[in-house]
């Protein structure tokens, strides 16, 4: 069963093809946010980028998220920066028109 993971697939993912209904899209985005929160990219940010920012003592930093989807990781980074009293300049790039339109704006977070 796990043999299928021995070789990388270069096929487009379902989200990249755009062959889904609005309901399927919303469900997928919700699931991706949940996965990223508990197992995926948000955890990786905490264990790598955020740790490195703290180790270097940076008070401000910029973050570019290519393929930003719903902007969830930018929100995670903005929340972390706010909690740590750091200034973040976050930019998300997304080619999927539906994702780009539905992303919440991530505001500039500054130390108060």
PDB file of N, CA and C in Angstrom:
ATOM      1  N   UNK A   1       0.811  -1.191   0.000  1.00  0.00           N
ATOM      2  CA  UNK A   1       0.000   0.000   0.000  1.00  0.00           C
ATOM      3  C   UNK A   1       0.859   1.261   0.000  1.00  0.00           C
ATOM      4  N   UNK A   2       1.900   1.310   0.806  1.00  0.00           N
ATOM      5  CA  UNK A   2       2.741   2.501   0.882  1.00  0.00           C
ATOM      6  C   UNK A   2       3.689   2.630  -0.304  1.00  0.00           C
ATOM      7  N   UNK A   3       3.730   1.611  -1.172  1.00  0.00           N
ATOM      8  CA  UNK A   3       4.587   1.675  -2.349  1.00  0.00           C
ATOM      9  C   UNK A   3       4.242   2.859  -3.244  1.00  0.00           C
ATOM     10  N   UNK A   4       2.993   3.279  -3.209  1.00  0.00           N
ATOM     11  CA  UNK A   4       2.585   4.397  -4.062  1.00  0.00           C
ATOM     12  C   UNK A   4       3.275   5.702  -3.669  1.00  0.00           C
ATOM     13  N   UNK A   5       3.873   5.748  -2.477  1.00  0.00           N
ATOM     14  CA  UNK A   5       4.545   6.954  -2.019  1.00  0.00           C
ATOM     15  C   UNK A   5       6.057   6.916  -2.277  1.00  0.00           C
ATOM     16  N   UNK A   6       6.535   5.883  -2.937  1.00  0.00           N
ATOM     17  CA  UNK A   6       7.963   5.774  -3.235  1.00  0.00           C
ATOM     18  C   UNK A   6       8.408   6.757  -4.307  1.00  0.00           C
ATOM     19  N   UNK A   7       7.493   7.215  -5.134  1.00  0.00           N
ATOM     20  CA  UNK A   7       7.833   8.126  -6.221  1.00  0.00           C
ATOM     21  C   UNK A   7       6.921   9.341  -6.174  1.00  0.00           C
ATOM     22  N   UNK A   8       7.495  10.501  -6.359  1.00  0.00           N
ATOM     23  CA  UNK A   8       6.742  11.744  -6.337  1.00  0.00           C
ATOM     24  C   UNK A   8       5.802  11.805  -7.541  1.00  0.00           C
ATOM     25  N   UNK A   9       4.600  12.268  -7.289  1.00  0.00           N
ATOM     26  CA  UNK A   9       3.643  12.496  -8.366  1.00  0.00           C
ATOM     27  C   UNK A   9       3.786  13.926  -8.855  1.00  0.00           C
ATOM     28  N   UNK A  10       3.746  14.098 -10.143  1.00  0.00           N
ATOM     29  CA  UNK A  10       3.804  15.433 -10.732  1.00  0.00           C
ATOM     30  C   UNK A  10       2.452  15.846 -11.310  1.00  0.00           C
ATOM     31  N   UNK A  11       1.419  15.092 -10.978  1.00  0.00           N
ATOM     32  CA  UNK A  11       0.077  15.448 -11.420  1.00  0.00           C
ATOM     33  C   UNK A  11      -0.435  16.616 -10.595  1.00  0.00           C
ATOM     34  N   UNK A  12      -1.247  17.455 -11.236  1.00  0.00           N
ATOM     35  CA  UNK A  12      -1.857  18.563 -10.516  1.00  0.00           C
ATOM     36  C   UNK A  12      -2.796  18.052  -9.446  1.00  0.00           C
ATOM     37  N   UNK A  13      -2.825  18.768  -8.328  1.00  0.00           N
ATOM     38  CA  UNK A  13      -3.772  18.431  -7.273  1.00  0.00           C
ATOM     39  C   UNK A  13      -5.162  18.909  -7.678  1.00  0.00           C
ATOM     40  N   UNK A  14      -6.151  18.360  -7.027  1.00  0.00           N
ATOM     41  CA  UNK A  14      -7.544  18.697  -7.325  1.00  0.00           C
ATOM     42  C   UNK A  14      -7.768  20.208  -7.270  1.00  0.00           C
ATOM     43  N   UNK A  15      -7.240  20.875  -6.269  1.00  0.00           N
ATOM     44  CA  UNK A  15      -7.396  22.327  -6.146  1.00  0.00           C
ATOM     45  C   UNK A  15      -6.739  23.066  -7.303  1.00  0.00           C
ATOM     46  N   UNK A  16      -5.619  22.533  -7.805  1.00  0.00           N
ATOM     47  CA  UNK A  16      -4.901  23.195  -8.893  1.00  0.00           C
ATOM     48  C   UNK A  16      -5.623  23.067 -10.227  1.00  0.00           C
ATOM     49  N   UNK A  17      -6.412  22.023 -10.389  1.00  0.00           N
ATOM     50  CA  UNK A  17      -7.132  21.802 -11.646  1.00  0.00           C
ATOM     51  C   UNK A  17      -8.337  22.724 -11.787  1.00  0.00           C
ATOM     52  N   UNK A  18      -8.936  23.089 -10.669  1.00  0.00           N
ATOM     53  CA  UNK A  18     -10.106  23.953 -10.729  1.00  0.00           C
ATOM     54  C   UNK A  18     -11.386  23.233 -11.121  1.00  0.00           C
ATOM     55  N   UNK A  19     -11.385  21.921 -11.077  1.00  0.00           N
ATOM     56  CA  UNK A  19     -12.564  21.147 -11.478  1.00  0.00           C
ATOM     57  C   UNK A  19     -13.372  20.704 -10.250  1.00  0.00           C
ATOM     58  N   UNK A  20     -13.846  21.674  -9.506  1.00  0.00           N
ATOM     59  CA  UNK A  20     -14.569  21.400  -8.276  1.00  0.00           C
ATOM     60  C   UNK A  20     -15.704  22.399  -8.146  1.00  0.00           C
ATOM     61  N   UNK A  21     -16.669  22.026  -7.350  1.00  0.00           N
ATOM     62  CA  UNK A  21     -17.792  22.928  -7.090  1.00  0.00           C
ATOM     63  C   UNK A  21     -17.397  23.905  -5.977  1.00  0.00           C
ATOM     64  N   UNK A  22     -18.131  25.002  -5.841  1.00  0.00           N
ATOM     65  CA  UNK A  22     -17.851  25.929  -4.734  1.00  0.00           C
ATOM     66  C   UNK A  22     -17.926  25.244  -3.372  1.00  0.00           C
ATOM     67  N   UNK A  23     -18.861  24.302  -3.225  1.00  0.00           N
ATOM     68  CA  UNK A  23     -18.995  23.583  -1.955  1.00  0.00           C
ATOM     69  C   UNK A  23     -17.782  22.698  -1.689  1.00  0.00           C
ATOM     70  N   UNK A  24     -17.298  22.022  -2.741  1.00  0.00           N
ATOM     71  CA  UNK A  24     -16.106  21.177  -2.587  1.00  0.00           C
ATOM     72  C   UNK A  24     -14.899  22.039  -2.221  1.00  0.00           C
ATOM     73  N   UNK A  25     -14.798  23.188  -2.856  1.00  0.00           N
ATOM     74  CA  UNK A  25     -13.682  24.087  -2.576  1.00  0.00           C
ATOM     75  C   UNK A  25     -13.691  24.531  -1.120  1.00  0.00           C
ATOM     76  N   UNK A  26     -14.835  24.983  -0.643  1.00  0.00           N
ATOM     77  CA  UNK A  26     -14.937  25.441   0.745  1.00  0.00           C
ATOM     78  C   UNK A  26     -14.582  24.327   1.721  1.00  0.00           C
ATOM     79  N   UNK A  27     -15.066  23.118   1.441  1.00  0.00           N
ATOM     80  CA  UNK A  27     -14.750  21.974   2.294  1.00  0.00           C
ATOM     81  C   UNK A  27     -13.266  21.667   2.304  1.00  0.00           C
ATOM     82  N   UNK A  28     -12.644  21.752   1.139  1.00  0.00           N
ATOM     83  CA  UNK A  28     -11.214  21.464   1.023  1.00  0.00           C
ATOM     84  C   UNK A  28     -10.392  22.504   1.777  1.00  0.00           C
ATOM     85  N   UNK A  29     -10.737  23.768   1.626  1.00  0.00           N
ATOM     86  CA  UNK A  29     -10.003  24.825   2.313  1.00  0.00           C
ATOM     87  C   UNK A  29     -10.118  24.653   3.834  1.00  0.00           C
ATOM     88  N   UNK A  30     -11.320  24.325   4.307  1.00  0.00           N
ATOM     89  CA  UNK A  30     -11.509  24.096   5.743  1.00  0.00           C
ATOM     90  C   UNK A  30     -10.647  22.947   6.233  1.00  0.00           C
ATOM     91  N   UNK A  31     -10.602  21.872   5.461  1.00  0.00           N
ATOM     92  CA  UNK A  31      -9.791  20.717   5.839  1.00  0.00           C
ATOM     93  C   UNK A  31      -8.304  21.070   5.826  1.00  0.00           C
ATOM     94  N   UNK A  32      -7.858  21.792   4.813  1.00  0.00           N
ATOM     95  CA  UNK A  32      -6.450  22.180   4.748  1.00  0.00           C
ATOM     96  C   UNK A  32      -6.054  23.050   5.928  1.00  0.00           C
ATOM     97  N   UNK A  33      -6.929  23.954   6.320  1.00  0.00           N
ATOM     98  CA  UNK A  33      -6.642  24.802   7.477  1.00  0.00           C
ATOM     99  C   UNK A  33      -6.507  23.959   8.738  1.00  0.00           C
ATOM    100  N   UNK A  34      -7.374  22.989   8.893  1.00  0.00           N
ATOM    101  CA  UNK A  34      -7.318  22.110  10.067  1.00  0.00           C
ATOM    102  C   UNK A  34      -6.028  21.286  10.067  1.00  0.00           C
ATOM    103  N   UNK A  35      -5.691  20.716   8.922  1.00  0.00           N
ATOM    104  CA  UNK A  35      -4.468  19.913   8.820  1.00  0.00           C
ATOM    105  C   UNK A  35      -3.242  20.774   9.092  1.00  0.00           C
ATOM    106  N   UNK A  36      -3.194  21.956   8.483  1.00  0.00           N
ATOM    107  CA  UNK A  36      -2.049  22.849   8.703  1.00  0.00           C
ATOM    108  C   UNK A  36      -1.924  23.255  10.154  1.00  0.00           C
ATOM    109  N   UNK A  37      -3.045  23.463  10.808  1.00  0.00           N
ATOM    110  CA  UNK A  37      -3.019  23.872  12.208  1.00  0.00           C
ATOM    111  C   UNK A  37      -2.416  22.788  13.091  1.00  0.00           C
ATOM    112  N   UNK A  38      -2.773  21.544  12.862  1.00  0.00           N
ATOM    113  CA  UNK A  38      -2.370  20.469  13.771  1.00  0.00           C
ATOM    114  C   UNK A  38      -1.153  19.680  13.316  1.00  0.00           C
ATOM    115  N   UNK A  39      -0.985  19.500  12.015  1.00  0.00           N
ATOM    116  CA  UNK A  39       0.062  18.597  11.550  1.00  0.00           C
ATOM    117  C   UNK A  39       1.011  19.190  10.532  1.00  0.00           C
ATOM    118  N   UNK A  40       0.617  20.233   9.891  1.00  0.00           N
ATOM    119  CA  UNK A  40       1.333  20.644   8.702  1.00  0.00           C
ATOM    120  C   UNK A  40       2.172  21.878   8.839  1.00  0.00           C
ATOM    121  N   UNK A  41       1.897  22.803   7.943  1.00  0.00           N
ATOM    122  CA  UNK A  41       2.750  23.956   7.753  1.00  0.00           C
ATOM    123  C   UNK A  41       2.816  24.880   8.961  1.00  0.00           C
ATOM    124  N   UNK A  42       1.731  25.034   9.689  1.00  0.00           N
ATOM    125  CA  UNK A  42       1.761  25.906  10.870  1.00  0.00           C
ATOM    126  C   UNK A  42       2.757  25.364  11.894  1.00  0.00           C
ATOM    127  N   UNK A  43       2.768  24.082  12.063  1.00  0.00           N
ATOM    128  CA  UNK A  43       3.726  23.457  12.988  1.00  0.00           C
ATOM    129  C   UNK A  43       5.150  23.648  12.488  1.00  0.00           C
ATOM    130  N   UNK A  44       5.335  23.492  11.179  1.00  0.00           N
ATOM    131  CA  UNK A  44       6.660  23.687  10.592  1.00  0.00           C
ATOM    132  C   UNK A  44       7.136  25.126  10.789  1.00  0.00           C
ATOM    133  N   UNK A  45       6.230  26.099  10.641  1.00  0.00           N
ATOM    134  CA  UNK A  45       6.593  27.497  10.885  1.00  0.00           C
ATOM    135  C   UNK A  45       7.063  27.691  12.324  1.00  0.00           C
ATOM    136  N   UNK A  46       6.326  27.109  13.260  1.00  0.00           N
ATOM    137  CA  UNK A  46       6.692  27.255  14.672  1.00  0.00           C
ATOM    138  C   UNK A  46       8.053  26.622  14.965  1.00  0.00           C
ATOM    139  N   UNK A  47       8.324  25.488  14.331  1.00  0.00           N
ATOM    140  CA  UNK A  47       9.559  24.751  14.625  1.00  0.00           C
ATOM    141  C   UNK A  47      10.774  25.237  13.845  1.00  0.00           C
ATOM    142  N   UNK A  48      10.579  26.062  12.841  1.00  0.00           N
ATOM    143  CA  UNK A  48      11.711  26.505  12.023  1.00  0.00           C
ATOM    144  C   UNK A  48      11.792  28.028  11.974  1.00  0.00           C
ATOM    145  N   UNK A  49      10.933  28.641  11.204  1.00  0.00           N
ATOM    146  CA  UNK A  49      11.008  30.089  10.982  1.00  0.00           C
ATOM    147  C   UNK A  49      10.876  30.878  12.276  1.00  0.00           C
ATOM    148  N   UNK A  50       9.851  30.599  13.063  1.00  0.00           N
ATOM    149  CA  UNK A  50       9.648  31.358  14.302  1.00  0.00           C
ATOM    150  C   UNK A  50      10.804  31.147  15.267  1.00  0.00           C
ATOM    151  N   UNK A  51      11.298  29.945  15.339  1.00  0.00           N
ATOM    152  CA  UNK A  51      12.436  29.648  16.217  1.00  0.00           C
ATOM    153  C   UNK A  51      13.669  30.417  15.761  1.00  0.00           C
ATOM    154  N   UNK A  52      13.884  30.471  14.453  1.00  0.00           N
ATOM    155  CA  UNK A  52      15.039  31.191  13.912  1.00  0.00           C
ATOM    156  C   UNK A  52      14.924  32.693  14.173  1.00  0.00           C
ATOM    157  N   UNK A  53      13.736  33.239  14.034  1.00  0.00           N
ATOM    158  CA  UNK A  53      13.512  34.661  14.317  1.00  0.00           C
ATOM    159  C   UNK A  53      13.840  34.959  15.775  1.00  0.00           C
ATOM    160  N   UNK A  54      13.396  34.086  16.667  1.00  0.00           N
ATOM    161  CA  UNK A  54      13.701  34.271  18.089  1.00  0.00           C
ATOM    162  C   UNK A  54      15.194  34.133  18.365  1.00  0.00           C
ATOM    163  N   UNK A  55      15.826  33.111  17.772  1.00  0.00           N
ATOM    164  CA  UNK A  55      17.263  32.894  17.992  1.00  0.00           C
ATOM    165  C   UNK A  55      18.096  34.082  17.529  1.00  0.00           C
ATOM    166  N   UNK A  56      17.675  34.729  16.457  1.00  0.00           N
ATOM    167  CA  UNK A  56      18.415  35.880  15.929  1.00  0.00           C
ATOM    168  C   UNK A  56      17.999  37.180  16.593  1.00  0.00           C
ATOM    169  N   UNK A  57      16.966  37.128  17.414  1.00  0.00           N
ATOM    170  CA  UNK A  57      16.515  38.322  18.112  1.00  0.00           C
ATOM    171  C   UNK A  57      15.912  39.381  17.207  1.00  0.00           C
ATOM    172  N   UNK A  58      15.335  38.949  16.090  1.00  0.00           N
ATOM    173  CA  UNK A  58      14.750  39.910  15.154  1.00  0.00           C
ATOM    174  C   UNK A  58      13.500  40.552  15.743  1.00  0.00           C
ATOM    175  N   UNK A  59      13.404  41.856  15.627  1.00  0.00           N
ATOM    176  CA  UNK A  59      12.212  42.576  16.090  1.00  0.00           C
ATOM    177  C   UNK A  59      11.213  42.759  14.955  1.00  0.00           C
ATOM    178  N   UNK A  60      11.682  42.616  13.703  1.00  0.00           N
ATOM    179  CA  UNK A  60      10.797  42.711  12.550  1.00  0.00           C
ATOM    180  C   UNK A  60      11.289  41.736  11.482  1.00  0.00           C
ATOM    181  N   UNK A  61      10.371  41.320  10.617  1.00  0.00           N
ATOM    182  CA  UNK A  61      10.717  40.400   9.539  1.00  0.00           C
ATOM    183  C   UNK A  61       9.647  40.472   8.460  1.00  0.00           C
ATOM    184  N   UNK A  62      10.009  40.006   7.267  1.00  0.00           N
ATOM    185  CA  UNK A  62       9.083  39.927   6.141  1.00  0.00           C
ATOM    186  C   UNK A  62       8.843  38.467   5.825  1.00  0.00           C
ATOM    187  N   UNK A  63       7.633  38.183   5.345  1.00  0.00           N
ATOM    188  CA  UNK A  63       7.263  36.818   4.998  1.00  0.00           C
ATOM    189  C   UNK A  63       6.511  36.840   3.678  1.00  0.00           C
ATOM    190  N   UNK A  64       6.961  36.033   2.716  1.00  0.00           N
ATOM    191  CA  UNK A  64       6.292  35.870   1.436  1.00  0.00           C
ATOM    192  C   UNK A  64       5.779  34.448   1.363  1.00  0.00           C
ATOM    193  N   UNK A  65       4.468  34.288   1.217  1.00  0.00           N
ATOM    194  CA  UNK A  65       3.852  32.969   1.085  1.00  0.00           C
ATOM    195  C   UNK A  65       3.405  32.810  -0.358  1.00  0.00           C
ATOM    196  N   UNK A  66       4.118  31.972  -1.111  1.00  0.00           N
ATOM    197  CA  UNK A  66       3.789  31.706  -2.507  1.00  0.00           C
ATOM    198  C   UNK A  66       2.838  30.518  -2.538  1.00  0.00           C
ATOM    199  N   UNK A  67       1.687  30.706  -3.168  1.00  0.00           N
ATOM    200  CA  UNK A  67       0.637  29.686  -3.127  1.00  0.00           C
ATOM    201  C   UNK A  67      -0.083  29.773  -1.800  1.00  0.00           C
ATOM    202  N   UNK A  68      -0.446  30.987  -1.419  1.00  0.00           N
ATOM    203  CA  UNK A  68      -0.951  31.273  -0.076  1.00  0.00           C
ATOM    204  C   UNK A  68      -2.323  30.689   0.221  1.00  0.00           C
ATOM    205  N   UNK A  69      -3.033  30.235  -0.794  1.00  0.00           N
ATOM    206  CA  UNK A  69      -4.353  29.645  -0.548  1.00  0.00           C
ATOM    207  C   UNK A  69      -5.253  30.595   0.193  1.00  0.00           C
ATOM    208  N   UNK A  70      -5.773  30.163   1.303  1.00  0.00           N
ATOM    209  CA  UNK A  70      -6.709  30.967   2.090  1.00  0.00           C
ATOM    210  C   UNK A  70      -6.003  32.016   2.946  1.00  0.00           C
ATOM    211  N   UNK A  71      -4.688  32.000   2.969  1.00  0.00           N
ATOM    212  CA  UNK A  71      -3.942  32.940   3.799  1.00  0.00           C
ATOM    213  C   UNK A  71      -3.770  32.474   5.228  1.00  0.00           C
ATOM    214  N   UNK A  72      -4.085  31.225   5.490  1.00  0.00           N
ATOM    215  CA  UNK A  72      -4.030  30.700   6.857  1.00  0.00           C
ATOM    216  C   UNK A  72      -2.647  30.841   7.484  1.00  0.00           C
ATOM    217  N   UNK A  73      -1.597  30.518   6.724  1.00  0.00           N
ATOM    218  CA  UNK A  73      -0.252  30.596   7.295  1.00  0.00           C
ATOM    219  C   UNK A  73       0.165  32.034   7.560  1.00  0.00           C
ATOM    220  N   UNK A  74      -0.311  32.961   6.753  1.00  0.00           N
ATOM    221  CA  UNK A  74      -0.036  34.369   7.014  1.00  0.00           C
ATOM    222  C   UNK A  74      -0.729  34.809   8.298  1.00  0.00           C
ATOM    223  N   UNK A  75      -1.935  34.305   8.531  1.00  0.00           N
ATOM    224  CA  UNK A  75      -2.635  34.618   9.785  1.00  0.00           C
ATOM    225  C   UNK A  75      -1.892  34.029  10.980  1.00  0.00           C
ATOM    226  N   UNK A  76      -1.389  32.809  10.836  1.00  0.00           N
ATOM    227  CA  UNK A  76      -0.611  32.182  11.908  1.00  0.00           C
ATOM    228  C   UNK A  76       0.620  33.037  12.217  1.00  0.00           C
ATOM    229  N   UNK A  77       1.309  33.469  11.180  1.00  0.00           N
ATOM    230  CA  UNK A  77       2.514  34.280  11.379  1.00  0.00           C
ATOM    231  C   UNK A  77       2.173  35.632  12.000  1.00  0.00           C
ATOM    232  N   UNK A  78       1.092  36.258  11.547  1.00  0.00           N
ATOM    233  CA  UNK A  78       0.693  37.557  12.103  1.00  0.00           C
ATOM    234  C   UNK A  78       0.314  37.430  13.571  1.00  0.00           C
ATOM    235  N   UNK A  79      -0.390  36.363  13.904  1.00  0.00           N
ATOM    236  CA  UNK A  79      -0.778  36.143  15.301  1.00  0.00           C
ATOM    237  C   UNK A  79       0.463  35.924  16.169  1.00  0.00           C
ATOM    238  N   UNK A  80       1.396  35.123  15.674  1.00  0.00           N
ATOM    239  CA  UNK A  80       2.624  34.866  16.430  1.00  0.00           C
ATOM    240  C   UNK A  80       3.393  36.169  16.637  1.00  0.00           C
ATOM    241  N   UNK A  81       3.529  36.971  15.564  1.00  0.00           N
ATOM    242  CA  UNK A  81       4.254  38.233  15.658  1.00  0.00           C
ATOM    243  C   UNK A  81       3.589  39.158  16.680  1.00  0.00           C
ATOM    244  N   UNK A  82       2.275  39.205  16.657  1.00  0.00           N
ATOM    245  CA  UNK A  82       1.539  40.045  17.606  1.00  0.00           C
ATOM    246  C   UNK A  82       1.818  39.594  19.040  1.00  0.00           C
ATOM    247  N   UNK A  83       1.765  38.297  19.269  1.00  0.00           N
ATOM    248  CA  UNK A  83       1.990  37.764  20.614  1.00  0.00           C
ATOM    249  C   UNK A  83       3.413  38.019  21.101  1.00  0.00           C
ATOM    250  N   UNK A  84       4.364  38.033  20.178  1.00  0.00           N
ATOM    251  CA  UNK A  84       5.773  38.196  20.539  1.00  0.00           C
ATOM    252  C   UNK A  84       6.236  39.646  20.455  1.00  0.00           C
ATOM    253  N   UNK A  85       5.330  40.558  20.076  1.00  0.00           N
ATOM    254  CA  UNK A  85       5.698  41.961  19.987  1.00  0.00           C
ATOM    255  C   UNK A  85       6.652  42.268  18.845  1.00  0.00           C
ATOM    256  N   UNK A  86       6.509  41.538  17.737  1.00  0.00           N
ATOM    257  CA  UNK A  86       7.369  41.748  16.577  1.00  0.00           C
ATOM    258  C   UNK A  86       6.571  42.362  15.435  1.00  0.00           C
ATOM    259  N   UNK A  87       7.259  43.054  14.555  1.00  0.00           N
ATOM    260  CA  UNK A  87       6.643  43.660  13.388  1.00  0.00           C
ATOM    261  C   UNK A  87       6.815  42.716  12.212  1.00  0.00           C
ATOM    262  N   UNK A  88       5.730  42.418  11.519  1.00  0.00           N
ATOM    263  CA  UNK A  88       5.771  41.534  10.366  1.00  0.00           C
ATOM    264  C   UNK A  88       5.208  42.260   9.154  1.00  0.00           C
ATOM    265  N   UNK A  89       5.848  42.037   8.039  1.00  0.00           N
ATOM    266  CA  UNK A  89       5.306  42.471   6.767  1.00  0.00           C
ATOM    267  C   UNK A  89       5.064  41.198   5.983  1.00  0.00           C
ATOM    268  N   UNK A  90       3.797  40.842   5.802  1.00  0.00           N
ATOM    269  CA  UNK A  90       3.428  39.569   5.195  1.00  0.00           C
ATOM    270  C   UNK A  90       2.735  39.801   3.856  1.00  0.00           C
ATOM    271  N   UNK A  91       3.166  39.043   2.851  1.00  0.00           N
ATOM    272  CA  UNK A  91       2.589  39.127   1.518  1.00  0.00           C
ATOM    273  C   UNK A  91       2.265  37.718   1.052  1.00  0.00           C
ATOM    274  N   UNK A  92       1.067  37.548   0.521  1.00  0.00           N
ATOM    275  CA  UNK A  92       0.658  36.255  -0.018  1.00  0.00           C
ATOM    276  C   UNK A  92       0.404  36.347  -1.505  1.00  0.00           C
ATOM    277  N   UNK A  93       0.944  35.410  -2.260  1.00  0.00           N
ATOM    278  CA  UNK A  93       0.691  35.306  -3.694  1.00  0.00           C
ATOM    279  C   UNK A  93      -0.136  34.057  -3.946  1.00  0.00           C
ATOM    280  N   UNK A  94      -1.175  34.197  -4.733  1.00  0.00           N
ATOM    281  CA  UNK A  94      -2.056  33.065  -5.029  1.00  0.00           C
ATOM    282  C   UNK A  94      -2.559  33.186  -6.456  1.00  0.00           C
ATOM    283  N   UNK A  95      -2.359  32.147  -7.257  1.00  0.00           N
ATOM    284  CA  UNK A  95      -2.826  32.150  -8.641  1.00  0.00           C
ATOM    285  C   UNK A  95      -4.292  31.751  -8.768  1.00  0.00           C
ATOM    286  N   UNK A  96      -4.779  30.953  -7.822  1.00  0.00           N
ATOM    287  CA  UNK A  96      -6.168  30.508  -7.869  1.00  0.00           C
ATOM    288  C   UNK A  96      -7.072  31.686  -7.536  1.00  0.00           C
ATOM    289  N   UNK A  97      -7.866  32.107  -8.490  1.00  0.00           N
ATOM    290  CA  UNK A  97      -8.694  33.297  -8.319  1.00  0.00           C
ATOM    291  C   UNK A  97      -9.653  33.161  -7.141  1.00  0.00           C
ATOM    292  N   UNK A  98     -10.255  32.011  -6.990  1.00  0.00           N
ATOM    293  CA  UNK A  98     -11.213  31.809  -5.898  1.00  0.00           C
ATOM    294  C   UNK A  98     -10.517  31.926  -4.546  1.00  0.00           C
ATOM    295  N   UNK A  99      -9.338  31.335  -4.432  1.00  0.00           N
ATOM    296  CA  UNK A  99      -8.594  31.440  -3.173  1.00  0.00           C
ATOM    297  C   UNK A  99      -8.222  32.884  -2.883  1.00  0.00           C
ATOM    298  N   UNK A 100      -7.736  33.566  -3.904  1.00  0.00           N
ATOM    299  CA  UNK A 100      -7.287  34.940  -3.718  1.00  0.00           C
ATOM    300  C   UNK A 100      -8.436  35.841  -3.286  1.00  0.00           C
ATOM    301  N   UNK A 101      -9.607  35.637  -3.818  1.00  0.00           N
ATOM    302  CA  UNK A 101     -10.753  36.472  -3.459  1.00  0.00           C
ATOM    303  C   UNK A 101     -11.243  36.197  -2.048  1.00  0.00           C
ATOM    304  N   UNK A 102     -11.074  34.974  -1.569  1.00  0.00           N
ATOM    305  CA  UNK A 102     -11.624  34.605  -0.272  1.00  0.00           C
ATOM    306  C   UNK A 102     -10.642  34.769   0.863  1.00  0.00           C
ATOM    307  N   UNK A 103      -9.400  35.074   0.548  1.00  0.00           N
ATOM    308  CA  UNK A 103      -8.416  35.266   1.613  1.00  0.00           C
ATOM    309  C   UNK A 103      -8.790  36.459   2.460  1.00  0.00           C
ATOM    310  N   UNK A 104      -8.674  36.291   3.742  1.00  0.00           N
ATOM    311  CA  UNK A 104      -8.850  37.427   4.642  1.00  0.00           C
ATOM    312  C   UNK A 104      -7.607  38.292   4.570  1.00  0.00           C
ATOM    313  N   UNK A 105      -7.772  39.564   4.724  1.00  0.00           N
ATOM    314  CA  UNK A 105      -6.618  40.451   4.729  1.00  0.00           C
ATOM    315  C   UNK A 105      -5.825  40.243   6.015  1.00  0.00           C
ATOM    316  N   UNK A 106      -4.550  40.181   5.856  1.00  0.00           N
ATOM    317  CA  UNK A 106      -3.660  40.120   7.008  1.00  0.00           C
ATOM    318  C   UNK A 106      -3.101  41.521   7.171  1.00  0.00           C
ATOM    319  N   UNK A 107      -3.420  42.131   8.267  1.00  0.00           N
ATOM    320  CA  UNK A 107      -3.013  43.513   8.494  1.00  0.00           C
ATOM    321  C   UNK A 107      -1.606  43.578   9.056  1.00  0.00           C
ATOM    322  N   UNK A 108      -1.021  44.721   8.863  1.00  0.00           N
ATOM    323  CA  UNK A 108       0.294  44.970   9.428  1.00  0.00           C
ATOM    324  C   UNK A 108       0.197  44.929  10.945  1.00  0.00           C
ATOM    325  N   UNK A 109       1.046  44.166  11.551  1.00  0.00           N
ATOM    326  CA  UNK A 109       1.028  44.016  12.995  1.00  0.00           C
ATOM    327  C   UNK A 109       2.236  44.756  13.551  1.00  0.00           C
ATOM    328  N   UNK A 110       2.006  45.657  14.447  1.00  0.00           N
ATOM    329  CA  UNK A 110       3.128  46.392  15.024  1.00  0.00           C
ATOM    330  C   UNK A 110       3.107  46.267  16.536  1.00  0.00           C
ATOM    331  N   UNK A 111       4.260  46.498  17.109  1.00  0.00           N
ATOM    332  CA  UNK A 111       4.389  46.448  18.561  1.00  0.00           C
ATOM    333  C   UNK A 111       3.736  47.688  19.143  1.00  0.00           C
ATOM    334  N   UNK A 112       2.877  47.509  20.097  1.00  0.00           N
ATOM    335  CA  UNK A 112       2.179  48.632  20.772  1.00  0.00           C
ATOM    336  C   UNK A 112       2.841  48.925  22.082  1.00  0.00           C
TER     337      UNK A 112
END
